[in-house]
């Protein structure tokens, strides 16, 4: 008998329900990306952006206080006694601009710290010098490499390494789901090595984003990538088909937006600024900046962030291994119970046959 129209309609309805249920994930990604990216980037405004005014006289103090008052929380203005101290503050990322008043006013910035922050500071002090009728000379005490004129190349390198990492999670967990967890862990470590080497090639010989310190950049890229892969592979044990959404939430939506690669936390809403202090993308971006441009200042803290995320990946993998072992024991126990029940049923059937025969 051939299947009727109702059976065909039922199959279509079932397939449609299946498609609609799977559309939930990309729609949630759309909502999450919109909230994260627009929330972090759509209206950057400075708050407590540290700048220095060089000078110890009354005029310097009055200028600093005036800027502080007019900024209404946008700037945190301090006075320093001389130019060398101001330059040191810039090179240790304690400030993001230093204004030296005089007949020929000078503004010192460090574009390697953040080009967007330097731009904001330059706009403020261009207006100040224009009000005094003097052109402003801008000095960059920490310029970026020739291959990264905007200073945002490190951020886009972060994007490339991140995509290579979390996309590999989907492959390892999908195509390699039948493999033992230890094999998946080895695949994650090996893949992170390859991803980090690709990232180092982009940063060095391909695009020249950095002109020295490539070995340290590679090491941070590997630590960063390995953390993502281990966490992602471990989470798949629990999240299953929701793993992609979970990994994107952790390492795209919250990660890129809080990394400081486009806008530093002083130009972002407080939520993303707070994430900057401990999220792994910020650890990578600020770690590379520190290593390449600022003589390793505060590098230990950024490396600690990356190491803690890697350690979190190891912990997640350990918990996943325990959970999978427990599931195997449950399956094996059920299989033994089913086999025992089958043997019992066969024995009963045999006894009945013998009784009937008697």
C-alpha atoms as a PDB file:
ATOM      1  CA  UNK A   1       0.000   0.000   0.000  1.00  0.00           C
ATOM      2  CA  UNK A   2       1.414   3.408  -0.949  1.00  0.00           C
ATOM      3  CA  UNK A   3       1.765   6.133   1.593  1.00  0.00           C
ATOM      4  CA  UNK A   4      -1.126   8.567   1.578  1.00  0.00           C
ATOM      5  CA  UNK A   5      -1.067  12.370   1.481  1.00  0.00           C
ATOM      6  CA  UNK A   6      -1.368  12.550   5.268  1.00  0.00           C
ATOM      7  CA  UNK A   7       1.894  10.667   5.768  1.00  0.00           C
ATOM      8  CA  UNK A   8       3.669  13.038   3.360  1.00  0.00           C
ATOM      9  CA  UNK A   9       2.272  16.063   5.196  1.00  0.00           C
ATOM     10  CA  UNK A  10       3.376  14.576   8.504  1.00  0.00           C
ATOM     11  CA  UNK A  11       6.920  14.111   7.226  1.00  0.00           C
ATOM     12  CA  UNK A  12       7.003  17.691   5.946  1.00  0.00           C
ATOM     13  CA  UNK A  13       5.718  19.038   9.246  1.00  0.00           C
ATOM     14  CA  UNK A  14       8.314  17.024  11.143  1.00  0.00           C
ATOM     15  CA  UNK A  15      11.126  18.284   8.925  1.00  0.00           C
ATOM     16  CA  UNK A  16       9.858  21.857   9.303  1.00  0.00           C
ATOM     17  CA  UNK A  17       9.800  21.574  13.083  1.00  0.00           C
ATOM     18  CA  UNK A  18      13.349  20.207  12.972  1.00  0.00           C
ATOM     19  CA  UNK A  19      14.559  23.152  10.868  1.00  0.00           C
ATOM     20  CA  UNK A  20      12.785  25.709  13.038  1.00  0.00           C
ATOM     21  CA  UNK A  21      14.252  24.263  16.220  1.00  0.00           C
ATOM     22  CA  UNK A  22      17.750  24.559  14.753  1.00  0.00           C
ATOM     23  CA  UNK A  23      17.109  28.143  13.614  1.00  0.00           C
ATOM     24  CA  UNK A  24      16.959  29.144  17.274  1.00  0.00           C
ATOM     25  CA  UNK A  25      20.766  29.021  17.481  1.00  0.00           C
ATOM     26  CA  UNK A  26      21.580  31.495  14.655  1.00  0.00           C
ATOM     27  CA  UNK A  27      18.807  33.822  15.811  1.00  0.00           C
ATOM     28  CA  UNK A  28      20.236  33.853  19.326  1.00  0.00           C
ATOM     29  CA  UNK A  29      23.662  34.508  17.786  1.00  0.00           C
ATOM     30  CA  UNK A  30      22.200  37.472  15.905  1.00  0.00           C
ATOM     31  CA  UNK A  31      20.677  38.896  19.086  1.00  0.00           C
ATOM     32  CA  UNK A  32      23.838  38.263  21.087  1.00  0.00           C
ATOM     33  CA  UNK A  33      26.164  39.803  18.506  1.00  0.00           C
ATOM     34  CA  UNK A  34      23.932  42.856  18.151  1.00  0.00           C
ATOM     35  CA  UNK A  35      23.712  43.428  21.889  1.00  0.00           C
ATOM     36  CA  UNK A  36      27.449  42.877  22.399  1.00  0.00           C
ATOM     37  CA  UNK A  37      28.904  44.805  19.465  1.00  0.00           C
ATOM     38  CA  UNK A  38      26.462  47.690  19.439  1.00  0.00           C
ATOM     39  CA  UNK A  39      26.479  47.874  23.212  1.00  0.00           C
ATOM     40  CA  UNK A  40      30.270  48.065  23.279  1.00  0.00           C
ATOM     41  CA  UNK A  41      31.044  50.109  20.170  1.00  0.00           C
ATOM     42  CA  UNK A  42      28.080  52.181  18.971  1.00  0.00           C
ATOM     43  CA  UNK A  43      28.671  55.285  21.133  1.00  0.00           C
ATOM     44  CA  UNK A  44      32.202  55.442  22.571  1.00  0.00           C
ATOM     45  CA  UNK A  45      32.598  58.167  25.151  1.00  0.00           C
ATOM     46  CA  UNK A  46      35.588  58.857  27.399  1.00  0.00           C
ATOM     47  CA  UNK A  47      35.236  58.469  31.155  1.00  0.00           C
ATOM     48  CA  UNK A  48      38.120  59.009  33.562  1.00  0.00           C
ATOM     49  CA  UNK A  49      40.561  59.061  30.633  1.00  0.00           C
ATOM     50  CA  UNK A  50      43.872  59.915  32.301  1.00  0.00           C
ATOM     51  CA  UNK A  51      45.822  62.834  30.834  1.00  0.00           C
ATOM     52  CA  UNK A  52      48.657  64.971  32.224  1.00  0.00           C
ATOM     53  CA  UNK A  53      49.352  68.678  32.060  1.00  0.00           C
ATOM     54  CA  UNK A  54      53.070  69.397  32.366  1.00  0.00           C
ATOM     55  CA  UNK A  55      54.027  72.249  34.671  1.00  0.00           C
ATOM     56  CA  UNK A  56      54.209  73.195  38.329  1.00  0.00           C
ATOM     57  CA  UNK A  57      52.988  76.776  38.146  1.00  0.00           C
ATOM     58  CA  UNK A  58      49.575  78.228  38.807  1.00  0.00           C
ATOM     59  CA  UNK A  59      48.692  78.382  35.109  1.00  0.00           C
ATOM     60  CA  UNK A  60      49.223  74.613  34.667  1.00  0.00           C
ATOM     61  CA  UNK A  61      47.116  73.847  37.727  1.00  0.00           C
ATOM     62  CA  UNK A  62      44.342  76.164  36.559  1.00  0.00           C
ATOM     63  CA  UNK A  63      44.350  74.569  33.093  1.00  0.00           C
ATOM     64  CA  UNK A  64      44.196  71.066  34.598  1.00  0.00           C
ATOM     65  CA  UNK A  65      41.316  72.010  36.896  1.00  0.00           C
ATOM     66  CA  UNK A  66      39.454  73.726  34.053  1.00  0.00           C
ATOM     67  CA  UNK A  67      39.742  70.653  31.836  1.00  0.00           C
ATOM     68  CA  UNK A  68      38.676  68.430  34.718  1.00  0.00           C
ATOM     69  CA  UNK A  69      35.602  70.539  35.395  1.00  0.00           C
ATOM     70  CA  UNK A  70      34.598  70.974  31.745  1.00  0.00           C
ATOM     71  CA  UNK A  71      35.100  67.273  31.064  1.00  0.00           C
ATOM     72  CA  UNK A  72      32.407  66.365  33.618  1.00  0.00           C
ATOM     73  CA  UNK A  73      33.953  62.957  34.293  1.00  0.00           C
ATOM     74  CA  UNK A  74      35.280  62.378  30.781  1.00  0.00           C
ATOM     75  CA  UNK A  75      38.884  63.173  31.729  1.00  0.00           C
ATOM     76  CA  UNK A  76      41.038  62.534  34.756  1.00  0.00           C
ATOM     77  CA  UNK A  77      43.512  65.420  34.568  1.00  0.00           C
ATOM     78  CA  UNK A  78      46.659  65.582  36.678  1.00  0.00           C
ATOM     79  CA  UNK A  79      49.675  67.886  36.671  1.00  0.00           C
ATOM     80  CA  UNK A  80      53.245  66.600  36.496  1.00  0.00           C
ATOM     81  CA  UNK A  81      56.376  68.643  37.050  1.00  0.00           C
ATOM     82  CA  UNK A  82      58.297  67.887  33.872  1.00  0.00           C
ATOM     83  CA  UNK A  83      58.136  66.373  30.427  1.00  0.00           C
ATOM     84  CA  UNK A  84      60.186  63.266  31.285  1.00  0.00           C
ATOM     85  CA  UNK A  85      57.723  62.199  33.976  1.00  0.00           C
ATOM     86  CA  UNK A  86      54.850  62.697  31.538  1.00  0.00           C
ATOM     87  CA  UNK A  87      56.626  60.593  28.898  1.00  0.00           C
ATOM     88  CA  UNK A  88      57.239  57.866  31.455  1.00  0.00           C
ATOM     89  CA  UNK A  89      53.537  57.825  32.324  1.00  0.00           C
ATOM     90  CA  UNK A  90      52.731  57.314  28.653  1.00  0.00           C
ATOM     91  CA  UNK A  91      55.287  54.526  28.263  1.00  0.00           C
ATOM     92  CA  UNK A  92      53.862  52.700  31.293  1.00  0.00           C
ATOM     93  CA  UNK A  93      50.233  53.297  30.221  1.00  0.00           C
ATOM     94  CA  UNK A  94      49.495  55.390  33.298  1.00  0.00           C
ATOM     95  CA  UNK A  95      48.165  58.148  31.031  1.00  0.00           C
ATOM     96  CA  UNK A  96      47.060  58.520  27.424  1.00  0.00           C
ATOM     97  CA  UNK A  97      48.132  62.074  26.690  1.00  0.00           C
ATOM     98  CA  UNK A  98      50.399  64.765  28.105  1.00  0.00           C
ATOM     99  CA  UNK A  99      50.041  68.460  27.266  1.00  0.00           C
ATOM    100  CA  UNK A 100      53.062  70.736  27.508  1.00  0.00           C
ATOM    101  CA  UNK A 101      51.813  74.344  27.422  1.00  0.00           C
ATOM    102  CA  UNK A 102      53.882  77.250  26.202  1.00  0.00           C
ATOM    103  CA  UNK A 103      54.517  79.420  23.192  1.00  0.00           C
ATOM    104  CA  UNK A 104      54.774  76.256  21.121  1.00  0.00           C
ATOM    105  CA  UNK A 105      52.444  73.787  22.887  1.00  0.00           C
ATOM    106  CA  UNK A 106      53.144  70.091  22.539  1.00  0.00           C
ATOM    107  CA  UNK A 107      50.934  67.066  23.038  1.00  0.00           C
ATOM    108  CA  UNK A 108      52.597  63.728  23.734  1.00  0.00           C
ATOM    109  CA  UNK A 109      50.645  60.531  23.016  1.00  0.00           C
ATOM    110  CA  UNK A 110      51.345  56.798  22.744  1.00  0.00           C
ATOM    111  CA  UNK A 111      49.438  55.419  19.762  1.00  0.00           C
ATOM    112  CA  UNK A 112      50.680  51.895  20.494  1.00  0.00           C
ATOM    113  CA  UNK A 113      48.577  51.957  23.630  1.00  0.00           C
ATOM    114  CA  UNK A 114      45.412  52.914  21.747  1.00  0.00           C
ATOM    115  CA  UNK A 115      45.047  54.924  18.583  1.00  0.00           C
ATOM    116  CA  UNK A 116      41.433  55.808  19.394  1.00  0.00           C
ATOM    117  CA  UNK A 117      42.347  57.097  22.863  1.00  0.00           C
ATOM    118  CA  UNK A 118      45.176  59.141  21.340  1.00  0.00           C
ATOM    119  CA  UNK A 119      42.708  60.588  18.823  1.00  0.00           C
ATOM    120  CA  UNK A 120      40.290  61.624  21.584  1.00  0.00           C
ATOM    121  CA  UNK A 121      43.092  63.266  23.567  1.00  0.00           C
ATOM    122  CA  UNK A 122      44.405  65.032  20.474  1.00  0.00           C
ATOM    123  CA  UNK A 123      40.972  66.492  19.748  1.00  0.00           C
ATOM    124  CA  UNK A 124      40.706  67.846  23.303  1.00  0.00           C
ATOM    125  CA  UNK A 125      44.089  69.555  23.299  1.00  0.00           C
ATOM    126  CA  UNK A 126      43.814  70.799  19.719  1.00  0.00           C
ATOM    127  CA  UNK A 127      40.833  72.814  20.931  1.00  0.00           C
ATOM    128  CA  UNK A 128      42.858  73.999  23.955  1.00  0.00           C
ATOM    129  CA  UNK A 129      45.802  75.193  21.863  1.00  0.00           C
ATOM    130  CA  UNK A 130      43.472  76.792  19.313  1.00  0.00           C
ATOM    131  CA  UNK A 131      41.872  78.772  22.150  1.00  0.00           C
ATOM    132  CA  UNK A 132      45.325  80.039  23.040  1.00  0.00           C
ATOM    133  CA  UNK A 133      46.045  80.946  19.435  1.00  0.00           C
ATOM    134  CA  UNK A 134      48.912  78.469  18.997  1.00  0.00           C
ATOM    135  CA  UNK A 135      49.289  75.459  16.693  1.00  0.00           C
ATOM    136  CA  UNK A 136      49.697  72.100  18.447  1.00  0.00           C
ATOM    137  CA  UNK A 137      52.733  69.894  17.904  1.00  0.00           C
ATOM    138  CA  UNK A 138      51.981  66.186  18.446  1.00  0.00           C
ATOM    139  CA  UNK A 139      54.753  63.801  19.533  1.00  0.00           C
ATOM    140  CA  UNK A 140      54.202  60.047  19.559  1.00  0.00           C
ATOM    141  CA  UNK A 141      56.426  58.527  22.252  1.00  0.00           C
ATOM    142  CA  UNK A 142      55.333  54.941  21.490  1.00  0.00           C
ATOM    143  CA  UNK A 143      54.487  54.562  17.796  1.00  0.00           C
ATOM    144  CA  UNK A 144      53.269  51.321  16.273  1.00  0.00           C
ATOM    145  CA  UNK A 145      55.125  49.197  13.741  1.00  0.00           C
ATOM    146  CA  UNK A 146      55.120  50.270  10.105  1.00  0.00           C
ATOM    147  CA  UNK A 147      52.804  47.405   9.154  1.00  0.00           C
ATOM    148  CA  UNK A 148      50.186  48.475  11.713  1.00  0.00           C
ATOM    149  CA  UNK A 149      49.710  52.243  11.297  1.00  0.00           C
ATOM    150  CA  UNK A 150      46.329  52.321  13.082  1.00  0.00           C
ATOM    151  CA  UNK A 151      47.462  50.122  15.982  1.00  0.00           C
ATOM    152  CA  UNK A 152      44.445  47.863  15.460  1.00  0.00           C
ATOM    153  CA  UNK A 153      46.254  45.079  13.625  1.00  0.00           C
ATOM    154  CA  UNK A 154      46.709  43.178  16.895  1.00  0.00           C
ATOM    155  CA  UNK A 155      42.938  43.217  17.369  1.00  0.00           C
ATOM    156  CA  UNK A 156      42.328  41.772  13.917  1.00  0.00           C
ATOM    157  CA  UNK A 157      45.007  39.178  14.620  1.00  0.00           C
ATOM    158  CA  UNK A 158      42.995  38.305  17.735  1.00  0.00           C
ATOM    159  CA  UNK A 159      39.942  37.839  15.528  1.00  0.00           C
ATOM    160  CA  UNK A 160      41.788  35.498  13.152  1.00  0.00           C
ATOM    161  CA  UNK A 161      43.253  33.358  15.941  1.00  0.00           C
ATOM    162  CA  UNK A 162      39.896  33.245  17.744  1.00  0.00           C
ATOM    163  CA  UNK A 163      37.969  32.124  14.657  1.00  0.00           C
ATOM    164  CA  UNK A 164      40.540  29.445  13.893  1.00  0.00           C
ATOM    165  CA  UNK A 165      40.236  28.219  17.472  1.00  0.00           C
ATOM    166  CA  UNK A 166      36.493  28.137  18.064  1.00  0.00           C
ATOM    167  CA  UNK A 167      35.755  26.860  14.549  1.00  0.00           C
ATOM    168  CA  UNK A 168      38.142  23.974  15.248  1.00  0.00           C
ATOM    169  CA  UNK A 169      36.111  23.178  18.362  1.00  0.00           C
ATOM    170  CA  UNK A 170      33.117  22.441  16.115  1.00  0.00           C
ATOM    171  CA  UNK A 171      35.182  20.111  13.922  1.00  0.00           C
ATOM    172  CA  UNK A 172      36.804  18.212  16.796  1.00  0.00           C
ATOM    173  CA  UNK A 173      33.505  17.821  18.637  1.00  0.00           C
ATOM    174  CA  UNK A 174      31.505  16.973  15.531  1.00  0.00           C
ATOM    175  CA  UNK A 175      33.719  14.740  13.428  1.00  0.00           C
ATOM    176  CA  UNK A 176      35.639  13.465  16.446  1.00  0.00           C
ATOM    177  CA  UNK A 177      32.770  12.898  18.848  1.00  0.00           C
ATOM    178  CA  UNK A 178      33.382   9.122  18.877  1.00  0.00           C
ATOM    179  CA  UNK A 179      37.013   9.550  19.893  1.00  0.00           C
ATOM    180  CA  UNK A 180      38.164   9.228  23.484  1.00  0.00           C
ATOM    181  CA  UNK A 181      38.388  12.529  25.348  1.00  0.00           C
ATOM    182  CA  UNK A 182      42.154  12.268  25.711  1.00  0.00           C
ATOM    183  CA  UNK A 183      42.479  12.037  21.924  1.00  0.00           C
ATOM    184  CA  UNK A 184      40.232  15.066  21.516  1.00  0.00           C
ATOM    185  CA  UNK A 185      42.403  16.902  24.049  1.00  0.00           C
ATOM    186  CA  UNK A 186      45.528  16.077  22.043  1.00  0.00           C
ATOM    187  CA  UNK A 187      43.782  17.274  18.887  1.00  0.00           C
ATOM    188  CA  UNK A 188      42.906  20.532  20.664  1.00  0.00           C
ATOM    189  CA  UNK A 189      46.513  21.121  21.732  1.00  0.00           C
ATOM    190  CA  UNK A 190      47.861  20.256  18.273  1.00  0.00           C
ATOM    191  CA  UNK A 191      45.315  22.476  16.551  1.00  0.00           C
ATOM    192  CA  UNK A 192      46.114  25.389  18.848  1.00  0.00           C
ATOM    193  CA  UNK A 193      49.775  25.029  17.905  1.00  0.00           C
ATOM    194  CA  UNK A 194      48.912  25.264  14.211  1.00  0.00           C
ATOM    195  CA  UNK A 195      46.543  28.203  14.737  1.00  0.00           C
ATOM    196  CA  UNK A 196      49.172  30.108  16.726  1.00  0.00           C
ATOM    197  CA  UNK A 197      51.812  29.484  14.048  1.00  0.00           C
ATOM    198  CA  UNK A 198      49.436  30.843  11.414  1.00  0.00           C
ATOM    199  CA  UNK A 199      48.807  33.884  13.614  1.00  0.00           C
ATOM    200  CA  UNK A 200      52.537  34.461  14.076  1.00  0.00           C
ATOM    201  CA  UNK A 201      53.037  34.240  10.313  1.00  0.00           C
ATOM    202  CA  UNK A 202      50.349  36.879   9.776  1.00  0.00           C
ATOM    203  CA  UNK A 203      51.878  39.146  12.443  1.00  0.00           C
ATOM    204  CA  UNK A 204      55.431  38.824  11.158  1.00  0.00           C
ATOM    205  CA  UNK A 205      56.412  37.941   7.603  1.00  0.00           C
ATOM    206  CA  UNK A 206      52.984  38.289   5.953  1.00  0.00           C
ATOM    207  CA  UNK A 207      51.741  41.687   7.184  1.00  0.00           C
ATOM    208  CA  UNK A 208      54.508  43.021   9.444  1.00  0.00           C
ATOM    209  CA  UNK A 209      52.155  43.915  12.293  1.00  0.00           C
ATOM    210  CA  UNK A 210      55.128  43.768  14.652  1.00  0.00           C
ATOM    211  CA  UNK A 211      58.779  44.466  13.912  1.00  0.00           C
ATOM    212  CA  UNK A 212      60.198  42.507  16.869  1.00  0.00           C
ATOM    213  CA  UNK A 213      59.079  40.191  19.665  1.00  0.00           C
ATOM    214  CA  UNK A 214      57.489  37.674  17.300  1.00  0.00           C
ATOM    215  CA  UNK A 215      58.453  34.679  19.457  1.00  0.00           C
ATOM    216  CA  UNK A 216      56.659  36.099  22.492  1.00  0.00           C
ATOM    217  CA  UNK A 217      53.621  36.932  20.368  1.00  0.00           C
ATOM    218  CA  UNK A 218      53.505  33.338  19.124  1.00  0.00           C
ATOM    219  CA  UNK A 219      53.696  31.974  22.682  1.00  0.00           C
ATOM    220  CA  UNK A 220      50.779  34.163  23.789  1.00  0.00           C
ATOM    221  CA  UNK A 221      48.792  33.203  20.697  1.00  0.00           C
ATOM    222  CA  UNK A 222      49.304  29.501  21.500  1.00  0.00           C
ATOM    223  CA  UNK A 223      48.298  29.929  25.151  1.00  0.00           C
ATOM    224  CA  UNK A 224      45.233  31.929  24.095  1.00  0.00           C
ATOM    225  CA  UNK A 225      44.182  29.452  21.386  1.00  0.00           C
ATOM    226  CA  UNK A 226      44.768  26.394  23.577  1.00  0.00           C
ATOM    227  CA  UNK A 227      42.551  27.862  26.287  1.00  0.00           C
ATOM    228  CA  UNK A 228      39.684  28.368  23.814  1.00  0.00           C
ATOM    229  CA  UNK A 229      39.999  24.890  22.329  1.00  0.00           C
ATOM    230  CA  UNK A 230      40.210  23.074  25.660  1.00  0.00           C
ATOM    231  CA  UNK A 231      37.259  24.975  27.100  1.00  0.00           C
ATOM    232  CA  UNK A 232      35.203  24.463  23.941  1.00  0.00           C
ATOM    233  CA  UNK A 233      35.935  20.737  23.617  1.00  0.00           C
ATOM    234  CA  UNK A 234      35.227  20.227  27.316  1.00  0.00           C
ATOM    235  CA  UNK A 235      31.957  22.160  27.192  1.00  0.00           C
ATOM    236  CA  UNK A 236      30.691  20.046  24.298  1.00  0.00           C
ATOM    237  CA  UNK A 237      30.271  17.129  26.709  1.00  0.00           C
ATOM    238  CA  UNK A 238      27.561  19.131  28.465  1.00  0.00           C
ATOM    239  CA  UNK A 239      26.212  21.605  25.876  1.00  0.00           C
ATOM    240  CA  UNK A 240      26.098  19.317  22.808  1.00  0.00           C
ATOM    241  CA  UNK A 241      24.503  21.252  19.922  1.00  0.00           C
ATOM    242  CA  UNK A 242      24.544  24.454  21.973  1.00  0.00           C
ATOM    243  CA  UNK A 243      28.338  24.399  22.109  1.00  0.00           C
ATOM    244  CA  UNK A 244      28.740  26.749  19.128  1.00  0.00           C
ATOM    245  CA  UNK A 245      26.487  29.344  20.757  1.00  0.00           C
ATOM    246  CA  UNK A 246      28.292  28.977  24.083  1.00  0.00           C
ATOM    247  CA  UNK A 247      31.738  29.315  22.533  1.00  0.00           C
ATOM    248  CA  UNK A 248      30.670  32.351  20.504  1.00  0.00           C
ATOM    249  CA  UNK A 249      29.263  33.988  23.639  1.00  0.00           C
ATOM    250  CA  UNK A 250      32.528  33.484  25.511  1.00  0.00           C
ATOM    251  CA  UNK A 251      35.060  34.116  22.772  1.00  0.00           C
ATOM    252  CA  UNK A 252      33.337  36.488  20.355  1.00  0.00           C
ATOM    253  CA  UNK A 253      30.486  38.435  21.923  1.00  0.00           C
ATOM    254  CA  UNK A 254      32.115  39.132  25.278  1.00  0.00           C
ATOM    255  CA  UNK A 255      35.698  38.650  24.144  1.00  0.00           C
ATOM    256  CA  UNK A 256      36.225  40.894  21.123  1.00  0.00           C
ATOM    257  CA  UNK A 257      34.173  43.685  22.657  1.00  0.00           C
ATOM    258  CA  UNK A 258      36.182  43.776  25.901  1.00  0.00           C
ATOM    259  CA  UNK A 259      39.643  43.207  24.405  1.00  0.00           C
ATOM    260  CA  UNK A 260      40.572  46.881  24.122  1.00  0.00           C
ATOM    261  CA  UNK A 261      41.659  46.364  20.544  1.00  0.00           C
ATOM    262  CA  UNK A 262      39.334  49.017  19.119  1.00  0.00           C
ATOM    263  CA  UNK A 263      38.395  51.088  22.161  1.00  0.00           C
ATOM    264  CA  UNK A 264      40.087  50.877  25.531  1.00  0.00           C
ATOM    265  CA  UNK A 265      37.827  50.465  28.587  1.00  0.00           C
ATOM    266  CA  UNK A 266      38.041  54.223  29.250  1.00  0.00           C
ATOM    267  CA  UNK A 267      35.943  54.734  26.101  1.00  0.00           C
ATOM    268  CA  UNK A 268      33.436  51.920  26.699  1.00  0.00           C
ATOM    269  CA  UNK A 269      30.416  51.238  28.918  1.00  0.00           C
ATOM    270  CA  UNK A 270      31.353  49.967  32.366  1.00  0.00           C
ATOM    271  CA  UNK A 271      30.329  46.342  31.763  1.00  0.00           C
ATOM    272  CA  UNK A 272      32.799  45.814  28.934  1.00  0.00           C
ATOM    273  CA  UNK A 273      35.423  47.865  30.713  1.00  0.00           C
ATOM    274  CA  UNK A 274      35.192  45.568  33.726  1.00  0.00           C
ATOM    275  CA  UNK A 275      35.563  42.464  31.550  1.00  0.00           C
ATOM    276  CA  UNK A 276      38.760  43.946  30.126  1.00  0.00           C
ATOM    277  CA  UNK A 277      40.571  43.299  33.407  1.00  0.00           C
ATOM    278  CA  UNK A 278      40.283  39.497  33.238  1.00  0.00           C
ATOM    279  CA  UNK A 279      38.945  38.279  29.862  1.00  0.00           C
ATOM    280  CA  UNK A 280      41.320  36.273  27.696  1.00  0.00           C
ATOM    281  CA  UNK A 281      41.118  38.463  24.578  1.00  0.00           C
ATOM    282  CA  UNK A 282      42.205  41.479  26.618  1.00  0.00           C
ATOM    283  CA  UNK A 283      45.008  39.385  28.065  1.00  0.00           C
ATOM    284  CA  UNK A 284      46.249  38.632  24.542  1.00  0.00           C
ATOM    285  CA  UNK A 285      45.885  42.147  23.091  1.00  0.00           C
ATOM    286  CA  UNK A 286      47.362  43.944  26.092  1.00  0.00           C
ATOM    287  CA  UNK A 287      50.015  41.273  26.512  1.00  0.00           C
ATOM    288  CA  UNK A 288      51.222  41.721  22.933  1.00  0.00           C
ATOM    289  CA  UNK A 289      51.164  45.510  23.294  1.00  0.00           C
ATOM    290  CA  UNK A 290      53.167  45.285  26.505  1.00  0.00           C
ATOM    291  CA  UNK A 291      55.678  42.859  25.019  1.00  0.00           C
ATOM    292  CA  UNK A 292      56.193  44.663  21.708  1.00  0.00           C
ATOM    293  CA  UNK A 293      55.776  48.349  22.538  1.00  0.00           C
ATOM    294  CA  UNK A 294      56.128  48.958  26.269  1.00  0.00           C
ATOM    295  CA  UNK A 295      59.179  46.964  27.284  1.00  0.00           C
ATOM    296  CA  UNK A 296      57.216  44.257  29.041  1.00  0.00           C
ATOM    297  CA  UNK A 297      55.547  46.648  31.496  1.00  0.00           C
ATOM    298  CA  UNK A 298      52.735  44.791  33.354  1.00  0.00           C
ATOM    299  CA  UNK A 299      53.267  41.777  31.067  1.00  0.00           C
ATOM    300  CA  UNK A 300      53.143  39.351  33.982  1.00  0.00           C
ATOM    301  CA  UNK A 301      49.531  40.231  34.744  1.00  0.00           C
ATOM    302  CA  UNK A 302      48.441  39.684  31.140  1.00  0.00           C
ATOM    303  CA  UNK A 303      50.262  36.349  30.981  1.00  0.00           C
ATOM    304  CA  UNK A 304      48.553  35.338  34.217  1.00  0.00           C
ATOM    305  CA  UNK A 305      45.163  36.023  32.630  1.00  0.00           C
ATOM    306  CA  UNK A 306      46.010  33.794  29.647  1.00  0.00           C
ATOM    307  CA  UNK A 307      47.425  31.087  31.922  1.00  0.00           C
ATOM    308  CA  UNK A 308      44.287  31.087  34.095  1.00  0.00           C
ATOM    309  CA  UNK A 309      42.059  30.658  31.040  1.00  0.00           C
ATOM    310  CA  UNK A 310      44.276  27.784  29.906  1.00  0.00           C
ATOM    311  CA  UNK A 311      44.000  26.275  33.397  1.00  0.00           C
ATOM    312  CA  UNK A 312      40.223  26.700  33.200  1.00  0.00           C
ATOM    313  CA  UNK A 313      40.309  24.687  29.976  1.00  0.00           C
ATOM    314  CA  UNK A 314      42.241  21.902  31.697  1.00  0.00           C
ATOM    315  CA  UNK A 315      39.702  21.893  34.546  1.00  0.00           C
ATOM    316  CA  UNK A 316      36.738  21.802  32.143  1.00  0.00           C
ATOM    317  CA  UNK A 317      38.339  18.892  30.288  1.00  0.00           C
ATOM    318  CA  UNK A 318      38.855  17.077  33.587  1.00  0.00           C
ATOM    319  CA  UNK A 319      35.216  17.573  34.597  1.00  0.00           C
ATOM    320  CA  UNK A 320      34.120  16.456  31.127  1.00  0.00           C
ATOM    321  CA  UNK A 321      36.260  13.310  31.433  1.00  0.00           C
ATOM    322  CA  UNK A 322      34.649  12.473  34.774  1.00  0.00           C
ATOM    323  CA  UNK A 323      31.162  13.018  33.354  1.00  0.00           C
ATOM    324  CA  UNK A 324      31.847  10.913  30.276  1.00  0.00           C
ATOM    325  CA  UNK A 325      33.300   8.103  32.396  1.00  0.00           C
ATOM    326  CA  UNK A 326      30.178   8.162  34.572  1.00  0.00           C
ATOM    327  CA  UNK A 327      27.958   8.015  31.495  1.00  0.00           C
ATOM    328  CA  UNK A 328      29.925   5.030  30.175  1.00  0.00           C
ATOM    329  CA  UNK A 329      29.494   3.231  33.483  1.00  0.00           C
ATOM    330  CA  UNK A 330      25.750   3.869  33.392  1.00  0.00           C
ATOM    331  CA  UNK A 331      25.510   2.580  29.815  1.00  0.00           C
ATOM    332  CA  UNK A 332      27.597  -0.475  30.638  1.00  0.00           C
ATOM    333  CA  UNK A 333      25.501  -1.179  33.749  1.00  0.00           C
ATOM    334  CA  UNK A 334      22.308  -0.919  31.739  1.00  0.00           C
ATOM    335  CA  UNK A 335      23.779  -3.200  29.091  1.00  0.00           C
ATOM    336  CA  UNK A 336      24.685  -5.756  31.780  1.00  0.00           C
ATOM    337  CA  UNK A 337      21.200  -5.501  33.263  1.00  0.00           C
ATOM    338  CA  UNK A 338      19.638  -5.937  29.830  1.00  0.00           C
ATOM    339  CA  UNK A 339      21.855  -8.958  29.132  1.00  0.00           C
ATOM    340  CA  UNK A 340      20.976 -10.486  32.520  1.00  0.00           C
ATOM    341  CA  UNK A 341      17.295  -9.892  31.869  1.00  0.00           C
ATOM    342  CA  UNK A 342      17.635 -11.507  28.455  1.00  0.00           C
ATOM    343  CA  UNK A 343      19.387 -14.515  29.973  1.00  0.00           C
ATOM    344  CA  UNK A 344      16.688 -14.807  32.627  1.00  0.00           C
ATOM    345  CA  UNK A 345      13.972 -14.591  30.018  1.00  0.00           C
ATOM    346  CA  UNK A 346      15.700 -17.244  27.931  1.00  0.00           C
ATOM    347  CA  UNK A 347      15.984 -19.501  30.991  1.00  0.00           C
ATOM    348  CA  UNK A 348      12.305 -19.088  31.816  1.00  0.00           C
ATOM    349  CA  UNK A 349      11.367 -19.834  28.240  1.00  0.00           C
ATOM    350  CA  UNK A 350      13.539 -22.948  28.274  1.00  0.00           C
ATOM    351  CA  UNK A 351      11.947 -24.146  31.510  1.00  0.00           C
ATOM    352  CA  UNK A 352       8.473 -23.610  30.069  1.00  0.00           C
ATOM    353  CA  UNK A 353       9.401 -25.584  26.979  1.00  0.00           C
ATOM    354  CA  UNK A 354      10.726 -28.418  29.149  1.00  0.00           C
ATOM    355  CA  UNK A 355       7.559 -28.352  31.252  1.00  0.00           C
ATOM    356  CA  UNK A 356       5.360 -28.501  28.181  1.00  0.00           C
ATOM    357  CA  UNK A 357       7.455 -31.356  26.872  1.00  0.00           C
ATOM    358  CA  UNK A 358       6.984 -33.314  30.085  1.00  0.00           C
END
